[in-house]
Amino acid sequence: MIYTFAVYALPILLAITLHEAAHAYAAKYFGDLTAYQQGRMSLNPIRHIDPFGTILIPVVLFFVGSPFIFGYAKPVPVDFGRLRKPKRDMAWVALAGPAANLLMAFLWLVLSVILHRVHIEGEYLLRVAGAGVTTNLVLFAFNLFPLPPLDGGRIVVSLLPYRLAYSFSQIERYGFFIVLVLAYFRVIHFWMVPVMLGANTLLQLLVSPLNLLLR
């Protein structure tokens, strides 16, 4: 258990921190300085840790034997009214987090390929790199689940007509409880598995030239 924690600690911390920082950077780019003014446009993990989402949920999922360990950080404050085009830009701000996770998964995969190909000794580093890929793919798929307040839900709100968008956004106050129930009964896995497989296939294609180069 301690070894597993040591393997996953750094990848999870980086995945959650950079996910939230990406939201903050995107919000600033599209005109909202709220997160920047509150010091959330930071790579300091302490600024993003949420006791419930960053610590409790992953620990509970680990002990109940969930095939997916995921969590979330303290949400970055975004004043959508300050965005230059609020309805459109909401989608870009929401997409920034999962995009950061997909990029990190790619970088961890590149590191994994290099470690394998140059025959560097050290099982621990290989496991950390593998954990980095898995962790970021899990967060990528989980956060794209189309239910607010998750990023996928905000993207759906952005794409819907105004009246439907308002009605759908009202789910947000119950969103995390719904997600926890879906996770407990493993319903959310029917979403996460194909999304993760699709993303992993894309990453394997992108890294294939490096595999050929180092062969």
N, C-alpha and C. Protein backbone atom coordinates (compact mmCIF):
# COMPACT_ATOMS: atom_id res chain seq x y z
N MET A 1 0.83 -1.20 0.00
CA MET A 1 0.00 0.00 0.00
C MET A 1 0.87 1.26 0.00
N ILE A 2 1.93 1.27 0.83
CA ILE A 2 2.83 2.42 0.89
C ILE A 2 3.54 2.61 -0.45
N TYR A 3 3.93 1.49 -1.07
CA TYR A 3 4.61 1.56 -2.37
C TYR A 3 3.67 2.15 -3.43
N THR A 4 2.42 1.70 -3.42
CA THR A 4 1.43 2.22 -4.37
C THR A 4 1.24 3.71 -4.18
N PHE A 5 1.16 4.14 -2.92
CA PHE A 5 1.02 5.57 -2.62
C PHE A 5 2.23 6.34 -3.15
N ALA A 6 3.43 5.79 -2.94
CA ALA A 6 4.66 6.45 -3.39
C ALA A 6 4.70 6.57 -4.90
N VAL A 7 4.14 5.58 -5.59
CA VAL A 7 4.12 5.60 -7.05
C VAL A 7 3.14 6.65 -7.58
N TYR A 8 1.96 6.72 -6.97
CA TYR A 8 0.89 7.57 -7.50
C TYR A 8 0.89 9.00 -6.96
N ALA A 9 1.59 9.25 -5.86
CA ALA A 9 1.51 10.57 -5.21
C ALA A 9 1.89 11.71 -6.15
N LEU A 10 3.06 11.62 -6.77
CA LEU A 10 3.52 12.70 -7.65
C LEU A 10 2.63 12.86 -8.88
N PRO A 11 2.31 11.78 -9.61
CA PRO A 11 1.43 11.94 -10.77
C PRO A 11 0.07 12.55 -10.44
N ILE A 12 -0.54 12.13 -9.31
CA ILE A 12 -1.85 12.67 -8.94
C ILE A 12 -1.73 14.15 -8.59
N LEU A 13 -0.69 14.49 -7.83
CA LEU A 13 -0.51 15.89 -7.43
C LEU A 13 -0.30 16.79 -8.65
N LEU A 14 0.55 16.35 -9.57
CA LEU A 14 0.79 17.13 -10.79
C LEU A 14 -0.46 17.21 -11.65
N ALA A 15 -1.17 16.09 -11.78
CA ALA A 15 -2.36 16.05 -12.64
C ALA A 15 -3.43 17.02 -12.16
N ILE A 16 -3.68 17.02 -10.86
CA ILE A 16 -4.72 17.88 -10.31
C ILE A 16 -4.29 19.35 -10.32
N THR A 17 -3.03 19.60 -9.97
CA THR A 17 -2.54 20.98 -9.92
C THR A 17 -2.54 21.64 -11.29
N LEU A 18 -1.98 20.95 -12.29
CA LEU A 18 -1.90 21.53 -13.63
C LEU A 18 -3.27 21.63 -14.28
N HIS A 19 -4.18 20.71 -13.94
CA HIS A 19 -5.55 20.77 -14.44
C HIS A 19 -6.20 22.10 -14.02
N GLU A 20 -6.10 22.42 -12.73
CA GLU A 20 -6.72 23.65 -12.23
C GLU A 20 -5.98 24.89 -12.71
N ALA A 21 -4.66 24.83 -12.76
CA ALA A 21 -3.89 25.97 -13.26
C ALA A 21 -4.25 26.27 -14.71
N ALA A 22 -4.52 25.22 -15.49
CA ALA A 22 -4.91 25.41 -16.90
C ALA A 22 -6.23 26.16 -16.99
N HIS A 23 -7.19 25.82 -16.11
CA HIS A 23 -8.45 26.57 -16.08
C HIS A 23 -8.18 28.05 -15.80
N ALA A 24 -7.31 28.31 -14.83
CA ALA A 24 -7.01 29.70 -14.45
C ALA A 24 -6.35 30.47 -15.60
N TYR A 25 -5.39 29.83 -16.26
CA TYR A 25 -4.73 30.48 -17.39
C TYR A 25 -5.72 30.76 -18.52
N ALA A 26 -6.60 29.79 -18.80
CA ALA A 26 -7.58 29.97 -19.87
C ALA A 26 -8.56 31.09 -19.53
N ALA A 27 -9.01 31.13 -18.27
CA ALA A 27 -9.93 32.19 -17.85
C ALA A 27 -9.29 33.57 -18.03
N LYS A 28 -8.03 33.69 -17.63
CA LYS A 28 -7.32 34.97 -17.80
C LYS A 28 -7.18 35.33 -19.27
N TYR A 29 -6.88 34.34 -20.09
CA TYR A 29 -6.72 34.57 -21.53
C TYR A 29 -8.01 35.10 -22.15
N PHE A 30 -9.15 34.57 -21.68
CA PHE A 30 -10.44 34.97 -22.26
C PHE A 30 -11.08 36.14 -21.51
N GLY A 31 -10.36 36.75 -20.57
CA GLY A 31 -10.83 38.01 -20.02
C GLY A 31 -11.20 38.05 -18.55
N ASP A 32 -11.22 36.90 -17.86
CA ASP A 32 -11.59 36.90 -16.44
C ASP A 32 -10.35 36.78 -15.56
N LEU A 33 -10.11 37.78 -14.73
CA LEU A 33 -8.91 37.80 -13.89
C LEU A 33 -9.17 37.30 -12.47
N THR A 34 -10.37 36.75 -12.21
CA THR A 34 -10.73 36.35 -10.85
C THR A 34 -9.72 35.36 -10.26
N ALA A 35 -9.45 34.28 -10.97
CA ALA A 35 -8.52 33.26 -10.47
C ALA A 35 -7.11 33.84 -10.31
N TYR A 36 -6.70 34.67 -11.24
CA TYR A 36 -5.39 35.31 -11.17
C TYR A 36 -5.28 36.19 -9.93
N GLN A 37 -6.32 36.98 -9.66
CA GLN A 37 -6.32 37.88 -8.51
C GLN A 37 -6.35 37.14 -7.19
N GLN A 38 -6.90 35.91 -7.19
CA GLN A 38 -6.97 35.11 -5.97
C GLN A 38 -5.79 34.16 -5.83
N GLY A 39 -4.80 34.30 -6.71
CA GLY A 39 -3.59 33.49 -6.60
C GLY A 39 -3.74 32.05 -7.05
N ARG A 40 -4.79 31.77 -7.85
CA ARG A 40 -5.01 30.39 -8.29
C ARG A 40 -4.32 30.07 -9.61
N MET A 41 -3.74 31.07 -10.25
CA MET A 41 -2.98 30.80 -11.47
C MET A 41 -1.57 30.42 -11.05
N SER A 42 -1.49 29.30 -10.35
CA SER A 42 -0.25 28.92 -9.67
C SER A 42 0.01 27.43 -9.86
N LEU A 43 1.29 27.07 -9.85
CA LEU A 43 1.68 25.66 -9.91
C LEU A 43 1.97 25.12 -8.51
N ASN A 44 1.64 25.89 -7.50
CA ASN A 44 1.79 25.44 -6.11
C ASN A 44 0.60 24.55 -5.75
N PRO A 45 0.82 23.24 -5.51
CA PRO A 45 -0.30 22.33 -5.24
C PRO A 45 -1.15 22.73 -4.04
N ILE A 46 -0.53 23.36 -3.04
CA ILE A 46 -1.25 23.73 -1.82
C ILE A 46 -2.41 24.68 -2.12
N ARG A 47 -2.25 25.51 -3.14
CA ARG A 47 -3.30 26.47 -3.49
C ARG A 47 -4.52 25.78 -4.11
N HIS A 48 -4.36 24.53 -4.55
CA HIS A 48 -5.44 23.86 -5.28
C HIS A 48 -6.04 22.67 -4.52
N ILE A 49 -5.41 22.25 -3.43
CA ILE A 49 -5.87 21.04 -2.72
C ILE A 49 -7.21 21.27 -2.05
N ASP A 50 -8.12 20.33 -2.26
CA ASP A 50 -9.42 20.32 -1.58
C ASP A 50 -9.43 19.09 -0.68
N PRO A 51 -9.63 19.24 0.63
CA PRO A 51 -9.56 18.09 1.54
C PRO A 51 -10.49 16.95 1.14
N PHE A 52 -11.67 17.28 0.66
CA PHE A 52 -12.65 16.25 0.29
C PHE A 52 -12.30 15.62 -1.06
N GLY A 53 -12.12 16.47 -2.07
CA GLY A 53 -11.92 15.94 -3.42
C GLY A 53 -10.53 15.44 -3.72
N THR A 54 -9.51 16.06 -3.10
CA THR A 54 -8.13 15.68 -3.39
C THR A 54 -7.63 14.55 -2.51
N ILE A 55 -8.18 14.45 -1.31
CA ILE A 55 -7.68 13.46 -0.34
C ILE A 55 -8.71 12.38 -0.04
N LEU A 56 -9.90 12.78 0.44
CA LEU A 56 -10.88 11.80 0.93
C LEU A 56 -11.41 10.89 -0.17
N ILE A 57 -11.86 11.47 -1.29
CA ILE A 57 -12.45 10.66 -2.35
C ILE A 57 -11.46 9.63 -2.91
N PRO A 58 -10.21 10.02 -3.28
CA PRO A 58 -9.27 9.01 -3.77
C PRO A 58 -8.99 7.90 -2.74
N VAL A 59 -8.88 8.27 -1.46
CA VAL A 59 -8.63 7.27 -0.42
C VAL A 59 -9.79 6.30 -0.30
N VAL A 60 -11.03 6.82 -0.30
CA VAL A 60 -12.22 5.97 -0.21
C VAL A 60 -12.30 5.03 -1.41
N LEU A 61 -12.09 5.57 -2.61
CA LEU A 61 -12.15 4.75 -3.82
C LEU A 61 -11.08 3.67 -3.80
N PHE A 62 -9.91 4.00 -3.25
CA PHE A 62 -8.82 3.01 -3.15
C PHE A 62 -9.23 1.86 -2.25
N PHE A 63 -9.82 2.18 -1.09
CA PHE A 63 -10.15 1.15 -0.12
C PHE A 63 -11.38 0.33 -0.51
N VAL A 64 -12.28 0.90 -1.33
CA VAL A 64 -13.45 0.11 -1.76
C VAL A 64 -13.13 -0.70 -3.01
N GLY A 65 -11.90 -0.58 -3.50
CA GLY A 65 -11.48 -1.41 -4.62
C GLY A 65 -11.96 -0.93 -5.97
N SER A 66 -12.23 0.37 -6.10
CA SER A 66 -12.68 0.90 -7.39
C SER A 66 -11.57 0.74 -8.43
N PRO A 67 -11.93 0.33 -9.66
CA PRO A 67 -10.91 0.19 -10.70
C PRO A 67 -10.33 1.54 -11.13
N PHE A 68 -11.04 2.63 -10.83
CA PHE A 68 -10.56 3.96 -11.16
C PHE A 68 -10.41 4.78 -9.89
N ILE A 69 -9.24 5.36 -9.69
CA ILE A 69 -9.01 6.27 -8.58
C ILE A 69 -8.96 7.68 -9.14
N PHE A 70 -9.90 8.51 -8.74
CA PHE A 70 -9.92 9.87 -9.23
C PHE A 70 -10.28 10.83 -8.11
N GLY A 71 -10.11 12.09 -8.36
CA GLY A 71 -10.44 13.11 -7.39
C GLY A 71 -10.48 14.45 -8.09
N TYR A 72 -10.59 15.50 -7.31
CA TYR A 72 -10.62 16.83 -7.89
C TYR A 72 -10.03 17.82 -6.90
N ALA A 73 -9.61 18.95 -7.43
CA ALA A 73 -9.03 20.00 -6.59
C ALA A 73 -10.09 21.04 -6.27
N LYS A 74 -9.69 22.03 -5.49
CA LYS A 74 -10.58 23.15 -5.19
C LYS A 74 -10.88 23.85 -6.51
N PRO A 75 -12.16 23.95 -6.89
CA PRO A 75 -12.48 24.55 -8.20
C PRO A 75 -11.92 25.96 -8.34
N VAL A 76 -11.39 26.23 -9.50
CA VAL A 76 -10.88 27.57 -9.79
C VAL A 76 -12.07 28.52 -9.96
N PRO A 77 -12.07 29.67 -9.27
CA PRO A 77 -13.19 30.61 -9.41
C PRO A 77 -13.17 31.28 -10.78
N VAL A 78 -14.27 31.17 -11.50
CA VAL A 78 -14.39 31.80 -12.81
C VAL A 78 -15.68 32.62 -12.83
N ASP A 79 -15.55 33.91 -13.11
CA ASP A 79 -16.71 34.77 -13.29
C ASP A 79 -17.02 34.80 -14.79
N PHE A 80 -17.96 33.94 -15.19
CA PHE A 80 -18.23 33.79 -16.63
C PHE A 80 -18.71 35.10 -17.25
N GLY A 81 -19.30 35.98 -16.44
CA GLY A 81 -19.76 37.26 -16.95
C GLY A 81 -18.62 38.17 -17.40
N ARG A 82 -17.41 37.91 -16.91
CA ARG A 82 -16.25 38.72 -17.29
C ARG A 82 -15.57 38.21 -18.56
N LEU A 83 -15.92 37.03 -19.00
CA LEU A 83 -15.33 36.51 -20.23
C LEU A 83 -15.80 37.35 -21.41
N ARG A 84 -14.98 37.46 -22.44
CA ARG A 84 -15.32 38.33 -23.57
C ARG A 84 -16.60 37.87 -24.26
N LYS A 85 -16.71 36.57 -24.48
CA LYS A 85 -17.95 35.98 -25.02
C LYS A 85 -18.33 34.84 -24.09
N PRO A 86 -19.08 35.15 -23.02
CA PRO A 86 -19.28 34.20 -21.92
C PRO A 86 -19.71 32.80 -22.34
N LYS A 87 -20.72 32.70 -23.19
CA LYS A 87 -21.25 31.37 -23.51
C LYS A 87 -20.24 30.54 -24.30
N ARG A 88 -19.56 31.17 -25.23
CA ARG A 88 -18.56 30.46 -26.03
C ARG A 88 -17.31 30.17 -25.22
N ASP A 89 -16.82 31.19 -24.53
CA ASP A 89 -15.55 31.05 -23.81
C ASP A 89 -15.64 30.11 -22.63
N MET A 90 -16.86 29.93 -22.08
CA MET A 90 -17.05 28.96 -20.99
C MET A 90 -16.56 27.58 -21.41
N ALA A 91 -16.83 27.21 -22.66
CA ALA A 91 -16.42 25.89 -23.15
C ALA A 91 -14.90 25.79 -23.21
N TRP A 92 -14.24 26.85 -23.67
CA TRP A 92 -12.77 26.81 -23.78
C TRP A 92 -12.11 26.75 -22.42
N VAL A 93 -12.66 27.51 -21.46
CA VAL A 93 -12.11 27.47 -20.10
C VAL A 93 -12.29 26.08 -19.51
N ALA A 94 -13.47 25.48 -19.72
CA ALA A 94 -13.73 24.14 -19.20
C ALA A 94 -12.83 23.10 -19.86
N LEU A 95 -12.62 23.25 -21.17
CA LEU A 95 -11.82 22.27 -21.92
C LEU A 95 -10.34 22.33 -21.56
N ALA A 96 -9.89 23.46 -21.04
CA ALA A 96 -8.46 23.62 -20.73
C ALA A 96 -7.96 22.59 -19.74
N GLY A 97 -8.78 22.25 -18.73
CA GLY A 97 -8.36 21.28 -17.72
C GLY A 97 -8.12 19.89 -18.29
N PRO A 98 -9.14 19.29 -18.95
CA PRO A 98 -8.92 17.98 -19.57
C PRO A 98 -7.81 18.00 -20.62
N ALA A 99 -7.69 19.11 -21.35
CA ALA A 99 -6.61 19.20 -22.35
C ALA A 99 -5.24 19.13 -21.67
N ALA A 100 -5.12 19.76 -20.50
CA ALA A 100 -3.87 19.70 -19.74
C ALA A 100 -3.58 18.27 -19.31
N ASN A 101 -4.62 17.53 -18.90
CA ASN A 101 -4.43 16.14 -18.50
C ASN A 101 -4.01 15.27 -19.68
N LEU A 102 -4.59 15.52 -20.86
CA LEU A 102 -4.22 14.75 -22.04
C LEU A 102 -2.77 15.03 -22.42
N LEU A 103 -2.36 16.28 -22.32
CA LEU A 103 -0.97 16.64 -22.61
C LEU A 103 -0.02 15.98 -21.62
N MET A 104 -0.39 15.99 -20.33
CA MET A 104 0.47 15.35 -19.32
C MET A 104 0.55 13.84 -19.54
N ALA A 105 -0.57 13.22 -19.92
CA ALA A 105 -0.55 11.78 -20.21
C ALA A 105 0.43 11.49 -21.34
N PHE A 106 0.43 12.36 -22.36
CA PHE A 106 1.35 12.20 -23.48
C PHE A 106 2.81 12.32 -23.02
N LEU A 107 3.09 13.31 -22.18
CA LEU A 107 4.47 13.51 -21.70
C LEU A 107 4.93 12.36 -20.81
N TRP A 108 4.03 11.85 -19.96
CA TRP A 108 4.38 10.67 -19.15
C TRP A 108 4.63 9.46 -20.05
N LEU A 109 3.85 9.33 -21.12
CA LEU A 109 4.03 8.21 -22.04
C LEU A 109 5.37 8.32 -22.76
N VAL A 110 5.73 9.53 -23.16
CA VAL A 110 7.04 9.75 -23.79
C VAL A 110 8.15 9.33 -22.83
N LEU A 111 8.03 9.74 -21.57
CA LEU A 111 9.04 9.35 -20.57
C LEU A 111 9.09 7.83 -20.41
N SER A 112 7.92 7.19 -20.41
CA SER A 112 7.86 5.74 -20.27
C SER A 112 8.56 5.04 -21.44
N VAL A 113 8.31 5.53 -22.65
CA VAL A 113 8.94 4.95 -23.84
C VAL A 113 10.46 5.11 -23.76
N ILE A 114 10.92 6.29 -23.38
CA ILE A 114 12.37 6.54 -23.28
C ILE A 114 13.00 5.62 -22.24
N LEU A 115 12.35 5.49 -21.08
CA LEU A 115 12.89 4.62 -20.03
C LEU A 115 12.98 3.17 -20.49
N HIS A 116 11.96 2.73 -21.24
CA HIS A 116 11.98 1.36 -21.75
C HIS A 116 13.07 1.16 -22.80
N ARG A 117 13.16 2.11 -23.73
CA ARG A 117 14.04 1.94 -24.88
C ARG A 117 15.52 2.09 -24.54
N VAL A 118 15.84 2.95 -23.57
CA VAL A 118 17.26 3.14 -23.23
C VAL A 118 17.69 2.22 -22.10
N HIS A 119 16.75 1.37 -21.67
CA HIS A 119 17.04 0.32 -20.68
C HIS A 119 17.59 0.89 -19.37
N ILE A 120 16.97 1.98 -18.92
CA ILE A 120 17.36 2.54 -17.62
C ILE A 120 16.85 1.63 -16.52
N GLU A 121 17.71 1.26 -15.62
CA GLU A 121 17.32 0.39 -14.52
C GLU A 121 16.48 1.17 -13.51
N GLY A 122 15.50 0.54 -12.96
CA GLY A 122 14.68 1.19 -11.94
C GLY A 122 13.20 0.99 -12.21
N GLU A 123 12.65 -0.03 -11.59
CA GLU A 123 11.23 -0.32 -11.76
C GLU A 123 10.37 0.82 -11.25
N TYR A 124 10.84 1.51 -10.22
CA TYR A 124 10.04 2.58 -9.61
C TYR A 124 9.73 3.68 -10.62
N LEU A 125 10.74 4.13 -11.37
CA LEU A 125 10.54 5.20 -12.35
C LEU A 125 9.56 4.77 -13.44
N LEU A 126 9.66 3.52 -13.87
CA LEU A 126 8.73 3.01 -14.88
C LEU A 126 7.31 3.00 -14.36
N ARG A 127 7.15 2.61 -13.11
CA ARG A 127 5.81 2.57 -12.51
C ARG A 127 5.24 3.98 -12.33
N VAL A 128 6.09 4.92 -11.95
CA VAL A 128 5.63 6.30 -11.81
C VAL A 128 5.17 6.85 -13.16
N ALA A 129 5.96 6.58 -14.21
CA ALA A 129 5.57 7.03 -15.55
C ALA A 129 4.25 6.40 -15.98
N GLY A 130 4.11 5.09 -15.72
CA GLY A 130 2.85 4.41 -16.04
C GLY A 130 1.68 4.98 -15.26
N ALA A 131 1.94 5.27 -13.98
CA ALA A 131 0.90 5.87 -13.14
C ALA A 131 0.52 7.26 -13.65
N GLY A 132 1.51 7.99 -14.17
CA GLY A 132 1.24 9.31 -14.73
C GLY A 132 0.31 9.24 -15.93
N VAL A 133 0.54 8.26 -16.80
CA VAL A 133 -0.35 8.07 -17.96
C VAL A 133 -1.75 7.72 -17.50
N THR A 134 -1.85 6.72 -16.63
CA THR A 134 -3.16 6.25 -16.17
C THR A 134 -3.93 7.33 -15.43
N THR A 135 -3.26 8.00 -14.49
CA THR A 135 -3.91 9.04 -13.69
C THR A 135 -4.48 10.14 -14.56
N ASN A 136 -3.71 10.59 -15.52
CA ASN A 136 -4.18 11.69 -16.38
C ASN A 136 -5.27 11.25 -17.34
N LEU A 137 -5.23 10.01 -17.81
CA LEU A 137 -6.32 9.51 -18.65
C LEU A 137 -7.61 9.39 -17.84
N VAL A 138 -7.49 8.96 -16.58
CA VAL A 138 -8.66 8.86 -15.71
C VAL A 138 -9.27 10.25 -15.50
N LEU A 139 -8.43 11.23 -15.16
CA LEU A 139 -8.94 12.58 -14.92
C LEU A 139 -9.48 13.21 -16.20
N PHE A 140 -8.86 12.91 -17.33
CA PHE A 140 -9.35 13.40 -18.62
C PHE A 140 -10.76 12.89 -18.87
N ALA A 141 -10.96 11.59 -18.72
CA ALA A 141 -12.28 10.99 -18.97
C ALA A 141 -13.30 11.43 -17.93
N PHE A 142 -12.90 11.42 -16.65
CA PHE A 142 -13.81 11.77 -15.57
C PHE A 142 -14.31 13.21 -15.70
N ASN A 143 -13.40 14.13 -15.97
CA ASN A 143 -13.80 15.54 -16.05
C ASN A 143 -14.59 15.87 -17.30
N LEU A 144 -14.52 15.04 -18.31
CA LEU A 144 -15.32 15.27 -19.51
C LEU A 144 -16.72 14.66 -19.40
N PHE A 145 -17.01 13.98 -18.28
CA PHE A 145 -18.36 13.43 -18.10
C PHE A 145 -19.37 14.58 -18.18
N PRO A 146 -20.39 14.45 -19.03
CA PRO A 146 -21.26 15.59 -19.34
C PRO A 146 -22.30 15.91 -18.27
N LEU A 147 -21.82 16.28 -17.10
CA LEU A 147 -22.70 16.64 -16.00
C LEU A 147 -22.06 17.77 -15.20
N PRO A 148 -22.73 18.92 -15.09
CA PRO A 148 -22.13 19.99 -14.28
C PRO A 148 -22.10 19.60 -12.81
N PRO A 149 -21.07 20.03 -12.07
CA PRO A 149 -20.08 21.06 -12.41
C PRO A 149 -18.81 20.53 -13.06
N LEU A 150 -18.80 19.29 -13.52
CA LEU A 150 -17.62 18.77 -14.22
C LEU A 150 -17.43 19.54 -15.53
N ASP A 151 -16.22 19.49 -16.05
CA ASP A 151 -15.91 20.27 -17.25
C ASP A 151 -16.78 19.88 -18.43
N GLY A 152 -17.05 18.59 -18.57
CA GLY A 152 -17.92 18.14 -19.65
C GLY A 152 -19.30 18.74 -19.55
N GLY A 153 -19.81 18.88 -18.33
CA GLY A 153 -21.12 19.50 -18.13
C GLY A 153 -21.11 20.96 -18.52
N ARG A 154 -20.03 21.66 -18.21
CA ARG A 154 -19.94 23.08 -18.57
C ARG A 154 -19.85 23.25 -20.09
N ILE A 155 -19.18 22.31 -20.74
CA ILE A 155 -19.11 22.35 -22.21
C ILE A 155 -20.49 22.16 -22.80
N VAL A 156 -21.27 21.22 -22.25
CA VAL A 156 -22.64 21.00 -22.71
C VAL A 156 -23.48 22.26 -22.51
N VAL A 157 -23.36 22.89 -21.34
CA VAL A 157 -24.09 24.13 -21.06
C VAL A 157 -23.75 25.19 -22.10
N SER A 158 -22.47 25.26 -22.46
CA SER A 158 -22.03 26.25 -23.44
C SER A 158 -22.63 26.00 -24.82
N LEU A 159 -22.86 24.74 -25.15
CA LEU A 159 -23.34 24.39 -26.49
C LEU A 159 -24.85 24.42 -26.63
N LEU A 160 -25.57 24.29 -25.51
CA LEU A 160 -27.03 24.25 -25.56
C LEU A 160 -27.61 25.64 -25.80
N PRO A 161 -28.83 25.71 -26.37
CA PRO A 161 -29.54 27.00 -26.44
C PRO A 161 -29.76 27.55 -25.03
N TYR A 162 -29.93 28.86 -24.92
CA TYR A 162 -29.94 29.53 -23.62
C TYR A 162 -30.93 28.91 -22.63
N ARG A 163 -32.17 28.67 -23.06
CA ARG A 163 -33.17 28.16 -22.12
C ARG A 163 -32.80 26.77 -21.62
N LEU A 164 -32.40 25.90 -22.54
CA LEU A 164 -31.98 24.55 -22.15
C LEU A 164 -30.70 24.60 -21.31
N ALA A 165 -29.81 25.51 -21.66
CA ALA A 165 -28.55 25.64 -20.91
C ALA A 165 -28.83 26.02 -19.46
N TYR A 166 -29.77 26.94 -19.25
CA TYR A 166 -30.10 27.35 -17.89
C TYR A 166 -30.69 26.19 -17.10
N SER A 167 -31.62 25.46 -17.71
CA SER A 167 -32.25 24.33 -17.03
C SER A 167 -31.22 23.26 -16.68
N PHE A 168 -30.35 22.96 -17.63
CA PHE A 168 -29.34 21.92 -17.41
C PHE A 168 -28.34 22.34 -16.33
N SER A 169 -28.01 23.63 -16.29
CA SER A 169 -27.03 24.11 -15.32
C SER A 169 -27.53 24.01 -13.88
N GLN A 170 -28.85 23.89 -13.69
CA GLN A 170 -29.40 23.79 -12.34
C GLN A 170 -29.03 22.47 -11.66
N ILE A 171 -28.58 21.50 -12.47
CA ILE A 171 -28.14 20.21 -11.90
C ILE A 171 -26.87 20.39 -11.08
N GLU A 172 -26.15 21.48 -11.31
CA GLU A 172 -24.81 21.64 -10.75
C GLU A 172 -24.76 21.46 -9.24
N ARG A 173 -25.78 21.95 -8.52
CA ARG A 173 -25.75 21.86 -7.06
C ARG A 173 -25.80 20.42 -6.57
N TYR A 174 -26.29 19.50 -7.40
CA TYR A 174 -26.36 18.09 -7.02
C TYR A 174 -25.35 17.24 -7.79
N GLY A 175 -24.58 17.89 -8.67
CA GLY A 175 -23.75 17.16 -9.62
C GLY A 175 -22.78 16.17 -9.01
N PHE A 176 -22.02 16.59 -8.00
CA PHE A 176 -21.00 15.71 -7.44
C PHE A 176 -21.63 14.52 -6.70
N PHE A 177 -22.77 14.75 -6.07
CA PHE A 177 -23.44 13.63 -5.40
C PHE A 177 -23.93 12.61 -6.42
N ILE A 178 -24.44 13.11 -7.55
CA ILE A 178 -24.88 12.21 -8.62
C ILE A 178 -23.69 11.41 -9.15
N VAL A 179 -22.56 12.10 -9.35
CA VAL A 179 -21.36 11.43 -9.87
C VAL A 179 -20.87 10.37 -8.89
N LEU A 180 -20.89 10.67 -7.59
CA LEU A 180 -20.46 9.69 -6.59
C LEU A 180 -21.34 8.45 -6.61
N VAL A 181 -22.65 8.65 -6.75
CA VAL A 181 -23.57 7.51 -6.83
C VAL A 181 -23.27 6.69 -8.09
N LEU A 182 -23.08 7.38 -9.21
CA LEU A 182 -22.77 6.68 -10.46
C LEU A 182 -21.44 5.93 -10.36
N ALA A 183 -20.47 6.53 -9.65
CA ALA A 183 -19.18 5.86 -9.46
C ALA A 183 -19.33 4.65 -8.56
N TYR A 184 -20.12 4.80 -7.49
CA TYR A 184 -20.29 3.69 -6.54
C TYR A 184 -20.91 2.48 -7.23
N PHE A 185 -21.91 2.72 -8.07
CA PHE A 185 -22.58 1.62 -8.77
C PHE A 185 -21.89 1.29 -10.10
N ARG A 186 -20.76 1.93 -10.35
CA ARG A 186 -19.92 1.68 -11.53
C ARG A 186 -20.61 1.98 -12.85
N VAL A 187 -21.63 2.82 -12.81
CA VAL A 187 -22.30 3.23 -14.04
C VAL A 187 -21.39 4.15 -14.85
N ILE A 188 -20.63 4.99 -14.15
CA ILE A 188 -19.76 5.95 -14.83
C ILE A 188 -18.66 5.26 -15.63
N HIS A 189 -18.40 4.00 -15.30
CA HIS A 189 -17.37 3.25 -16.03
C HIS A 189 -17.74 3.06 -17.49
N PHE A 190 -19.05 3.00 -17.79
CA PHE A 190 -19.48 2.85 -19.18
C PHE A 190 -19.12 4.08 -20.01
N TRP A 191 -18.88 5.20 -19.35
CA TRP A 191 -18.39 6.40 -20.01
C TRP A 191 -16.87 6.41 -20.04
N MET A 192 -16.27 6.13 -18.89
CA MET A 192 -14.83 6.32 -18.75
C MET A 192 -14.01 5.34 -19.57
N VAL A 193 -14.42 4.09 -19.61
CA VAL A 193 -13.62 3.08 -20.32
C VAL A 193 -13.44 3.42 -21.80
N PRO A 194 -14.52 3.67 -22.56
CA PRO A 194 -14.30 3.99 -23.98
C PRO A 194 -13.56 5.30 -24.21
N VAL A 195 -13.80 6.30 -23.35
CA VAL A 195 -13.09 7.57 -23.50
C VAL A 195 -11.60 7.38 -23.24
N MET A 196 -11.27 6.62 -22.20
CA MET A 196 -9.86 6.36 -21.89
C MET A 196 -9.20 5.54 -22.99
N LEU A 197 -9.90 4.54 -23.50
CA LEU A 197 -9.34 3.72 -24.57
C LEU A 197 -9.09 4.55 -25.83
N GLY A 198 -10.05 5.41 -26.16
CA GLY A 198 -9.89 6.27 -27.33
C GLY A 198 -8.71 7.22 -27.17
N ALA A 199 -8.61 7.83 -25.99
CA ALA A 199 -7.50 8.76 -25.73
C ALA A 199 -6.16 8.04 -25.75
N ASN A 200 -6.13 6.85 -25.17
CA ASN A 200 -4.88 6.08 -25.14
C ASN A 200 -4.45 5.67 -26.54
N THR A 201 -5.42 5.30 -27.38
CA THR A 201 -5.11 4.94 -28.77
C THR A 201 -4.49 6.13 -29.49
N LEU A 202 -5.07 7.32 -29.28
CA LEU A 202 -4.52 8.53 -29.89
C LEU A 202 -3.09 8.78 -29.42
N LEU A 203 -2.85 8.64 -28.12
CA LEU A 203 -1.51 8.88 -27.58
C LEU A 203 -0.50 7.87 -28.12
N GLN A 204 -0.92 6.61 -28.24
CA GLN A 204 -0.02 5.59 -28.78
C GLN A 204 0.37 5.90 -30.22
N LEU A 205 -0.59 6.44 -30.98
CA LEU A 205 -0.29 6.83 -32.36
C LEU A 205 0.70 8.00 -32.39
N LEU A 206 0.51 8.95 -31.49
CA LEU A 206 1.38 10.12 -31.45
C LEU A 206 2.81 9.77 -31.03
N VAL A 207 2.93 8.76 -30.17
CA VAL A 207 4.26 8.40 -29.65
C VAL A 207 4.94 7.34 -30.52
N SER A 208 4.23 6.80 -31.50
CA SER A 208 4.80 5.73 -32.33
C SER A 208 6.07 6.15 -33.09
N PRO A 209 6.18 7.40 -33.59
CA PRO A 209 7.45 7.78 -34.23
C PRO A 209 8.64 7.70 -33.27
N LEU A 210 8.42 8.06 -32.01
CA LEU A 210 9.50 7.96 -31.03
C LEU A 210 9.89 6.51 -30.79
N ASN A 211 8.90 5.63 -30.77
CA ASN A 211 9.18 4.20 -30.63
C ASN A 211 10.05 3.70 -31.76
N LEU A 212 9.72 4.13 -32.98
CA LEU A 212 10.50 3.70 -34.15
C LEU A 212 11.91 4.28 -34.11
N LEU A 213 12.02 5.53 -33.66
CA LEU A 213 13.32 6.20 -33.61
C LEU A 213 14.26 5.53 -32.62
N LEU A 214 13.71 5.08 -31.49
CA LEU A 214 14.55 4.50 -30.44
C LEU A 214 14.69 2.99 -30.55
N ARG A 215 14.07 2.40 -31.55
CA ARG A 215 14.13 0.93 -31.68
C ARG A 215 15.55 0.49 -32.00
